[in-house]
């Protein structure tokens, strides 16, 4: 059996699942942002721009977006806290989180024209 083909086949369901979860998280975040734009009082606590002064501030915003995505998806703080031990020590979950943050940072960097002056 071709081991490369086998590895590719076992990776595909995981990749599909990650991509699907990322798409759902981004969609939920978009819906939340869109609904917040309809309610001015919600804009104070929510996201109003992707523009940041520095790449470091952009990265902090990317982390915040990722956290907000999780909080929007799982609204019960007790459930989030209970689930944390199961993924906190799972390398694949931590890698998936870094991919989500990197995707957000890529979007923010593009919105800031890569901080070119």
C-alpha atoms as a PDB file:
ATOM      1  CA  UNK A   1       0.000   0.000   0.000  1.00  0.00           C
ATOM      2  CA  UNK A   2       1.198   3.489  -0.810  1.00  0.00           C
ATOM      3  CA  UNK A   3       1.895   5.104   2.581  1.00  0.00           C
ATOM      4  CA  UNK A   4       1.711   8.619   1.167  1.00  0.00           C
ATOM      5  CA  UNK A   5      -1.805   7.997  -0.135  1.00  0.00           C
ATOM      6  CA  UNK A   6      -2.771   6.447   3.212  1.00  0.00           C
ATOM      7  CA  UNK A   7      -1.500   9.472   5.148  1.00  0.00           C
ATOM      8  CA  UNK A   8      -3.338  11.796   2.788  1.00  0.00           C
ATOM      9  CA  UNK A   9      -6.591   9.852   3.276  1.00  0.00           C
ATOM     10  CA  UNK A  10      -6.383   9.930   7.073  1.00  0.00           C
ATOM     11  CA  UNK A  11      -5.604  13.671   7.084  1.00  0.00           C
ATOM     12  CA  UNK A  12      -8.472  14.680   4.798  1.00  0.00           C
ATOM     13  CA  UNK A  13     -11.345  14.138   7.288  1.00  0.00           C
ATOM     14  CA  UNK A  14      -9.473  16.166   9.924  1.00  0.00           C
ATOM     15  CA  UNK A  15      -8.719  18.914   7.439  1.00  0.00           C
ATOM     16  CA  UNK A  16     -12.329  18.953   6.269  1.00  0.00           C
ATOM     17  CA  UNK A  17     -13.559  19.139   9.864  1.00  0.00           C
ATOM     18  CA  UNK A  18     -11.158  21.988  10.688  1.00  0.00           C
ATOM     19  CA  UNK A  19     -12.138  23.906   7.558  1.00  0.00           C
ATOM     20  CA  UNK A  20     -15.823  23.416   8.308  1.00  0.00           C
ATOM     21  CA  UNK A  21     -15.426  24.561  11.915  1.00  0.00           C
ATOM     22  CA  UNK A  22     -13.431  27.595  10.809  1.00  0.00           C
ATOM     23  CA  UNK A  23     -16.091  28.528   8.255  1.00  0.00           C
ATOM     24  CA  UNK A  24     -18.876  28.175  10.833  1.00  0.00           C
ATOM     25  CA  UNK A  25     -16.944  30.224  13.412  1.00  0.00           C
ATOM     26  CA  UNK A  26     -16.256  32.995  10.895  1.00  0.00           C
ATOM     27  CA  UNK A  27     -19.882  32.968   9.731  1.00  0.00           C
ATOM     28  CA  UNK A  28     -21.176  33.248  13.292  1.00  0.00           C
ATOM     29  CA  UNK A  29     -18.740  36.065  13.974  1.00  0.00           C
ATOM     30  CA  UNK A  30     -19.866  37.862  10.828  1.00  0.00           C
ATOM     31  CA  UNK A  31     -23.514  37.509  11.818  1.00  0.00           C
ATOM     32  CA  UNK A  32     -22.726  38.858  15.289  1.00  0.00           C
ATOM     33  CA  UNK A  33     -20.847  41.830  13.853  1.00  0.00           C
ATOM     34  CA  UNK A  34     -23.610  42.524  11.344  1.00  0.00           C
ATOM     35  CA  UNK A  35     -26.278  42.443  14.049  1.00  0.00           C
ATOM     36  CA  UNK A  36     -24.120  44.647  16.305  1.00  0.00           C
ATOM     37  CA  UNK A  37     -23.997  47.257  13.552  1.00  0.00           C
ATOM     38  CA  UNK A  38     -27.782  47.517  13.781  1.00  0.00           C
ATOM     39  CA  UNK A  39     -27.567  48.260  17.516  1.00  0.00           C
ATOM     40  CA  UNK A  40     -25.324  51.235  18.365  1.00  0.00           C
ATOM     41  CA  UNK A  41     -25.101  50.295  22.056  1.00  0.00           C
ATOM     42  CA  UNK A  42     -23.489  46.975  21.101  1.00  0.00           C
ATOM     43  CA  UNK A  43     -20.793  48.666  19.017  1.00  0.00           C
ATOM     44  CA  UNK A  44     -19.107  49.986  22.147  1.00  0.00           C
ATOM     45  CA  UNK A  45     -18.204  46.481  23.321  1.00  0.00           C
ATOM     46  CA  UNK A  46     -17.767  44.907  19.897  1.00  0.00           C
ATOM     47  CA  UNK A  47     -15.543  45.143  16.878  1.00  0.00           C
ATOM     48  CA  UNK A  48     -15.743  48.393  14.952  1.00  0.00           C
ATOM     49  CA  UNK A  49     -12.622  48.216  12.762  1.00  0.00           C
ATOM     50  CA  UNK A  50      -9.772  45.965  11.685  1.00  0.00           C
ATOM     51  CA  UNK A  51      -7.392  48.922  11.448  1.00  0.00           C
ATOM     52  CA  UNK A  52      -4.632  48.864  14.081  1.00  0.00           C
ATOM     53  CA  UNK A  53      -1.568  51.011  14.696  1.00  0.00           C
ATOM     54  CA  UNK A  54       0.992  48.187  14.772  1.00  0.00           C
ATOM     55  CA  UNK A  55       1.333  44.528  13.836  1.00  0.00           C
ATOM     56  CA  UNK A  56       1.419  43.704  17.562  1.00  0.00           C
ATOM     57  CA  UNK A  57      -1.966  45.373  18.044  1.00  0.00           C
ATOM     58  CA  UNK A  58      -3.168  43.490  14.963  1.00  0.00           C
ATOM     59  CA  UNK A  59      -2.096  40.192  16.495  1.00  0.00           C
ATOM     60  CA  UNK A  60      -3.859  41.058  19.758  1.00  0.00           C
ATOM     61  CA  UNK A  61      -6.998  41.788  17.725  1.00  0.00           C
ATOM     62  CA  UNK A  62      -6.636  38.430  15.936  1.00  0.00           C
ATOM     63  CA  UNK A  63      -6.512  36.655  19.306  1.00  0.00           C
ATOM     64  CA  UNK A  64      -9.561  38.656  20.481  1.00  0.00           C
ATOM     65  CA  UNK A  65     -11.486  37.684  17.345  1.00  0.00           C
ATOM     66  CA  UNK A  66     -10.676  34.029  17.955  1.00  0.00           C
ATOM     67  CA  UNK A  67     -11.804  34.269  21.581  1.00  0.00           C
ATOM     68  CA  UNK A  68     -15.002  36.053  20.576  1.00  0.00           C
ATOM     69  CA  UNK A  69     -15.671  33.356  17.986  1.00  0.00           C
ATOM     70  CA  UNK A  70     -15.503  30.669  20.651  1.00  0.00           C
ATOM     71  CA  UNK A  71     -17.647  32.694  23.068  1.00  0.00           C
ATOM     72  CA  UNK A  72     -20.218  33.298  20.335  1.00  0.00           C
ATOM     73  CA  UNK A  73     -20.294  29.624  19.383  1.00  0.00           C
ATOM     74  CA  UNK A  74     -20.468  28.315  22.972  1.00  0.00           C
ATOM     75  CA  UNK A  75     -22.363  30.933  24.946  1.00  0.00           C
ATOM     76  CA  UNK A  76     -22.265  29.132  28.301  1.00  0.00           C
ATOM     77  CA  UNK A  77     -19.067  30.107  30.186  1.00  0.00           C
ATOM     78  CA  UNK A  78     -19.388  27.078  32.483  1.00  0.00           C
ATOM     79  CA  UNK A  79     -19.382  24.713  29.508  1.00  0.00           C
ATOM     80  CA  UNK A  80     -16.354  26.482  27.986  1.00  0.00           C
ATOM     81  CA  UNK A  81     -14.511  26.155  31.292  1.00  0.00           C
ATOM     82  CA  UNK A  82     -15.465  22.487  31.616  1.00  0.00           C
ATOM     83  CA  UNK A  83     -14.277  21.711  28.069  1.00  0.00           C
ATOM     84  CA  UNK A  84     -10.932  23.483  28.433  1.00  0.00           C
ATOM     85  CA  UNK A  85      -9.008  20.578  30.063  1.00  0.00           C
ATOM     86  CA  UNK A  86      -9.909  18.273  27.181  1.00  0.00           C
ATOM     87  CA  UNK A  87      -8.275  20.483  24.551  1.00  0.00           C
ATOM     88  CA  UNK A  88      -5.635  22.283  26.614  1.00  0.00           C
ATOM     89  CA  UNK A  89      -3.291  19.290  26.406  1.00  0.00           C
ATOM     90  CA  UNK A  90      -4.206  18.176  22.864  1.00  0.00           C
ATOM     91  CA  UNK A  91      -1.540  19.208  20.358  1.00  0.00           C
ATOM     92  CA  UNK A  92      -3.944  19.007  17.405  1.00  0.00           C
ATOM     93  CA  UNK A  93      -6.433  21.328  19.110  1.00  0.00           C
ATOM     94  CA  UNK A  94      -3.697  23.828  19.934  1.00  0.00           C
ATOM     95  CA  UNK A  95      -2.431  23.732  16.349  1.00  0.00           C
ATOM     96  CA  UNK A  96      -5.995  24.315  15.111  1.00  0.00           C
ATOM     97  CA  UNK A  97      -6.285  27.348  17.393  1.00  0.00           C
ATOM     98  CA  UNK A  98      -3.054  28.788  16.019  1.00  0.00           C
ATOM     99  CA  UNK A  99      -4.441  28.348  12.478  1.00  0.00           C
ATOM    100  CA  UNK A 100      -7.566  30.319  13.374  1.00  0.00           C
ATOM    101  CA  UNK A 101      -5.505  33.127  14.942  1.00  0.00           C
ATOM    102  CA  UNK A 102      -3.190  33.139  11.901  1.00  0.00           C
ATOM    103  CA  UNK A 103      -6.164  33.412   9.539  1.00  0.00           C
ATOM    104  CA  UNK A 104      -7.551  36.356  11.500  1.00  0.00           C
ATOM    105  CA  UNK A 105      -4.109  37.996  11.585  1.00  0.00           C
ATOM    106  CA  UNK A 106      -3.756  37.539   7.817  1.00  0.00           C
ATOM    107  CA  UNK A 107      -7.089  39.326   7.300  1.00  0.00           C
ATOM    108  CA  UNK A 108      -6.137  42.142   9.681  1.00  0.00           C
ATOM    109  CA  UNK A 109      -2.717  42.567   8.058  1.00  0.00           C
ATOM    110  CA  UNK A 110      -4.339  42.864   4.627  1.00  0.00           C
ATOM    111  CA  UNK A 111      -6.841  45.415   5.975  1.00  0.00           C
ATOM    112  CA  UNK A 112      -3.906  47.455   7.311  1.00  0.00           C
ATOM    113  CA  UNK A 113      -2.022  47.161   3.999  1.00  0.00           C
ATOM    114  CA  UNK A 114       0.604  45.202   5.934  1.00  0.00           C
ATOM    115  CA  UNK A 115       1.379  48.352   7.946  1.00  0.00           C
ATOM    116  CA  UNK A 116       3.166  49.976   5.020  1.00  0.00           C
ATOM    117  CA  UNK A 117       3.780  53.680   5.415  1.00  0.00           C
END
